[in-house]
Protein backbone atom coordinates (compact mmCIF):
# COMPACT_ATOMS: atom_id res chain seq x y z
CA MET A 1 5.18 18.24 1.51
CA GLY A 2 5.50 16.04 -1.60
CA ALA A 3 2.36 13.89 -0.67
CA ALA A 4 0.19 17.06 -0.16
CA SER A 5 1.66 18.61 -3.22
CA VAL A 6 0.72 15.59 -5.50
CA LEU A 7 -2.59 15.29 -3.93
CA MET A 8 -3.28 18.95 -4.84
CA ALA A 9 -2.65 18.02 -8.37
CA SER A 10 -4.88 14.85 -8.25
CA GLY A 11 -8.06 16.85 -8.84
CA GLU A 12 -6.80 18.61 -11.82
CA GLU A 13 -8.87 18.28 -14.87
CA GLU A 14 -6.28 16.96 -17.15
CA LEU A 15 -3.36 14.95 -15.56
CA PRO A 16 -0.84 13.46 -17.99
CA LYS A 17 -1.87 10.24 -19.26
CA SER A 18 1.26 8.67 -17.65
CA VAL A 19 -0.17 9.30 -14.31
CA LYS A 20 -1.78 5.92 -13.49
CA ALA A 21 -1.74 6.16 -9.48
CA ILE A 22 -0.80 8.34 -6.65
CA VAL A 23 1.03 7.26 -3.41
CA ALA A 24 0.66 9.73 -0.64
CA ASP A 25 3.05 8.92 2.40
CA SER A 26 2.26 11.10 5.42
CA PRO A 27 0.02 13.63 3.67
CA TYR A 28 -1.75 16.65 5.34
CA THR A 29 -5.22 18.02 4.41
CA SER A 30 -4.28 21.69 3.70
CA VAL A 31 -1.66 24.25 4.44
CA TYR A 32 -4.09 26.05 6.68
CA ASP A 33 -4.70 22.92 8.79
CA MET A 34 -1.18 21.94 8.86
CA PHE A 35 -0.21 25.50 10.21
CA LYS A 36 -3.21 25.52 12.72
CA TYR A 37 -2.04 22.04 14.11
CA GLN A 38 1.73 23.16 14.46
CA LEU A 39 0.82 26.55 15.84
CA GLY A 40 -0.98 24.58 18.70
CA ARG A 41 1.54 21.78 19.05
CA MET A 42 4.65 23.70 19.05
CA TYR A 43 3.82 26.98 20.34
CA HIS A 44 0.48 26.73 22.06
CA VAL A 45 -0.76 29.60 19.89
CA PRO A 46 -4.35 29.79 18.67
CA ALA A 47 -4.95 29.96 14.82
CA PHE A 48 -6.89 33.07 15.23
CA PRO A 49 -5.71 35.99 14.58
CA VAL A 50 -2.36 34.59 13.23
CA LEU A 51 -3.56 32.49 10.36
CA PRO A 52 -6.22 34.74 8.96
CA THR A 53 -3.95 37.60 9.04
CA THR A 54 -1.01 35.45 7.54
CA SER A 55 -3.45 34.26 4.74
CA ILE A 56 -4.27 37.89 3.91
CA VAL A 57 -0.85 38.75 3.42
CA THR A 58 -0.15 35.66 1.36
CA LYS A 59 -3.18 36.53 -0.86
CA ILE A 60 -1.75 40.16 -1.39
CA LYS A 61 1.94 38.96 -2.03
CA ALA A 62 1.67 35.54 -3.67
CA GLY A 63 -1.80 35.50 -5.10
CA TYR A 64 -3.44 32.81 -3.01
CA SER A 65 -4.57 32.52 0.51
CA LEU A 66 -3.72 29.54 3.01
CA LYS A 67 -7.02 27.96 2.71
CA GLU A 68 -6.61 27.51 -1.23
CA ALA A 69 -3.70 25.37 -0.80
CA SER A 70 -6.10 22.35 -0.07
CA ALA A 71 -5.42 18.66 -0.81
CA LEU A 72 -8.59 17.87 0.69
CA LYS A 73 -10.54 19.93 -1.94
CA GLN A 74 -8.52 18.24 -4.78
CA VAL A 75 -9.08 14.61 -3.76
CA GLN A 76 -12.78 15.28 -3.83
CA LYS A 77 -12.31 15.74 -7.52
CA ALA A 78 -9.71 13.04 -8.20
CA GLU A 79 -10.26 10.35 -10.83
CA VAL A 80 -6.83 8.49 -10.32
CA PRO A 81 -6.42 5.93 -7.72
CA ILE A 82 -4.81 7.06 -4.44
CA LEU A 83 -2.95 4.86 -1.73
CA TYR A 84 -2.60 6.72 1.70
CA ILE A 85 0.31 5.66 3.95
CA HIS A 86 0.66 6.98 7.50
CA GLY A 87 2.41 6.31 10.68
CA ASN A 88 0.31 6.20 13.74
CA ALA A 89 3.03 7.73 15.86
CA ASP A 90 3.51 10.76 13.63
CA THR A 91 3.35 13.74 15.58
CA PHE A 92 4.25 16.18 12.82
CA VAL A 93 1.23 15.36 10.60
CA PRO A 94 -1.52 13.78 12.67
CA THR A 95 -2.87 10.36 11.16
CA SER A 96 -6.37 12.01 11.31
CA MET A 97 -5.51 14.11 8.33
CA ALA A 98 -4.65 11.13 6.09
CA GLU A 99 -7.85 9.40 7.35
CA LYS A 100 -9.95 12.40 6.37
CA LEU A 101 -8.28 12.65 3.10
CA TYR A 102 -9.03 8.92 2.43
CA LYS A 103 -12.64 9.33 3.46
CA ASN A 104 -13.09 12.29 1.11
CA THR A 105 -11.40 10.80 -2.04
CA SER A 106 -13.71 10.29 -4.86
CA SER A 107 -11.43 7.98 -6.96
CA GLU A 108 -10.57 4.31 -5.92
CA LYS A 109 -8.38 4.47 -2.85
CA ASP A 110 -6.59 2.43 -0.16
CA PHE A 111 -5.09 3.19 3.25
CA ILE A 112 -2.58 1.53 5.37
CA SER A 113 -1.25 2.68 8.68
CA PHE A 114 1.87 1.60 10.56
CA ASP A 115 2.05 1.32 14.34
CA ASN A 116 4.99 2.97 15.92
CA ALA A 117 5.97 4.95 12.75
CA GLY A 118 6.63 8.56 13.00
CA HIS A 119 6.58 11.07 10.04
CA GLY A 120 7.89 9.38 6.97
CA GLU A 121 9.09 6.44 9.06
CA ALA A 122 6.87 3.62 7.87
CA PHE A 123 9.21 2.61 5.03
CA VAL A 124 12.11 2.36 7.59
CA THR A 125 10.24 0.71 10.52
CA LYS A 126 7.99 -1.81 8.48
CA LYS A 127 9.87 -2.17 5.12
CA ASP A 128 8.43 -5.47 4.17
CA LYS A 129 4.79 -4.62 4.95
CA TYR A 130 5.33 -1.12 3.23
CA VAL A 131 6.79 -2.79 -0.04
CA ASP A 132 4.15 -5.40 -0.06
CA LYS A 133 1.23 -2.86 0.15
CA LEU A 134 2.93 -0.59 -2.39
CA ASN A 135 3.57 -3.28 -4.90
CA SER A 136 0.11 -4.65 -4.50
CA PHE A 137 -1.50 -1.42 -4.93
CA LEU A 138 0.72 -0.46 -8.01
CA GLU A 139 0.31 -3.85 -9.71
CA LYS A 140 -3.49 -3.13 -9.74
CA TYR A 141 -3.30 0.08 -11.55
CA ILE A 142 -0.11 -0.01 -13.64
CA ASN A 143 0.27 -2.56 -16.49
């Protein structure tokens, strides 16, 4: 959840000056989208009526709905450069979510995917390629 969390902060009006770039490994678009995907994948249950009902409860109990927790909405306002990393064999968070985030990012951005890498496995399966991409991205934005 770290990638999505940092992306949700990316569109905030005043990020600390020390934030020069963001690296998002295996991010999802929103909490709602993630739950919808997992309900279908794991339990073969449709999103309706489960997610709208749950969202009402979270709004009452926690003060926010499931649709409000959206990395997608935030990257549309982002000003900091973002590197998206995703494994093409990720069955926990589909690669299409990272691709959608990338396409909707308003700031400078880059995207790399790794064949045969599951969720969060890109570093382990293709370490040299991963480190090379990470270093080239960070060198571009961090002095």
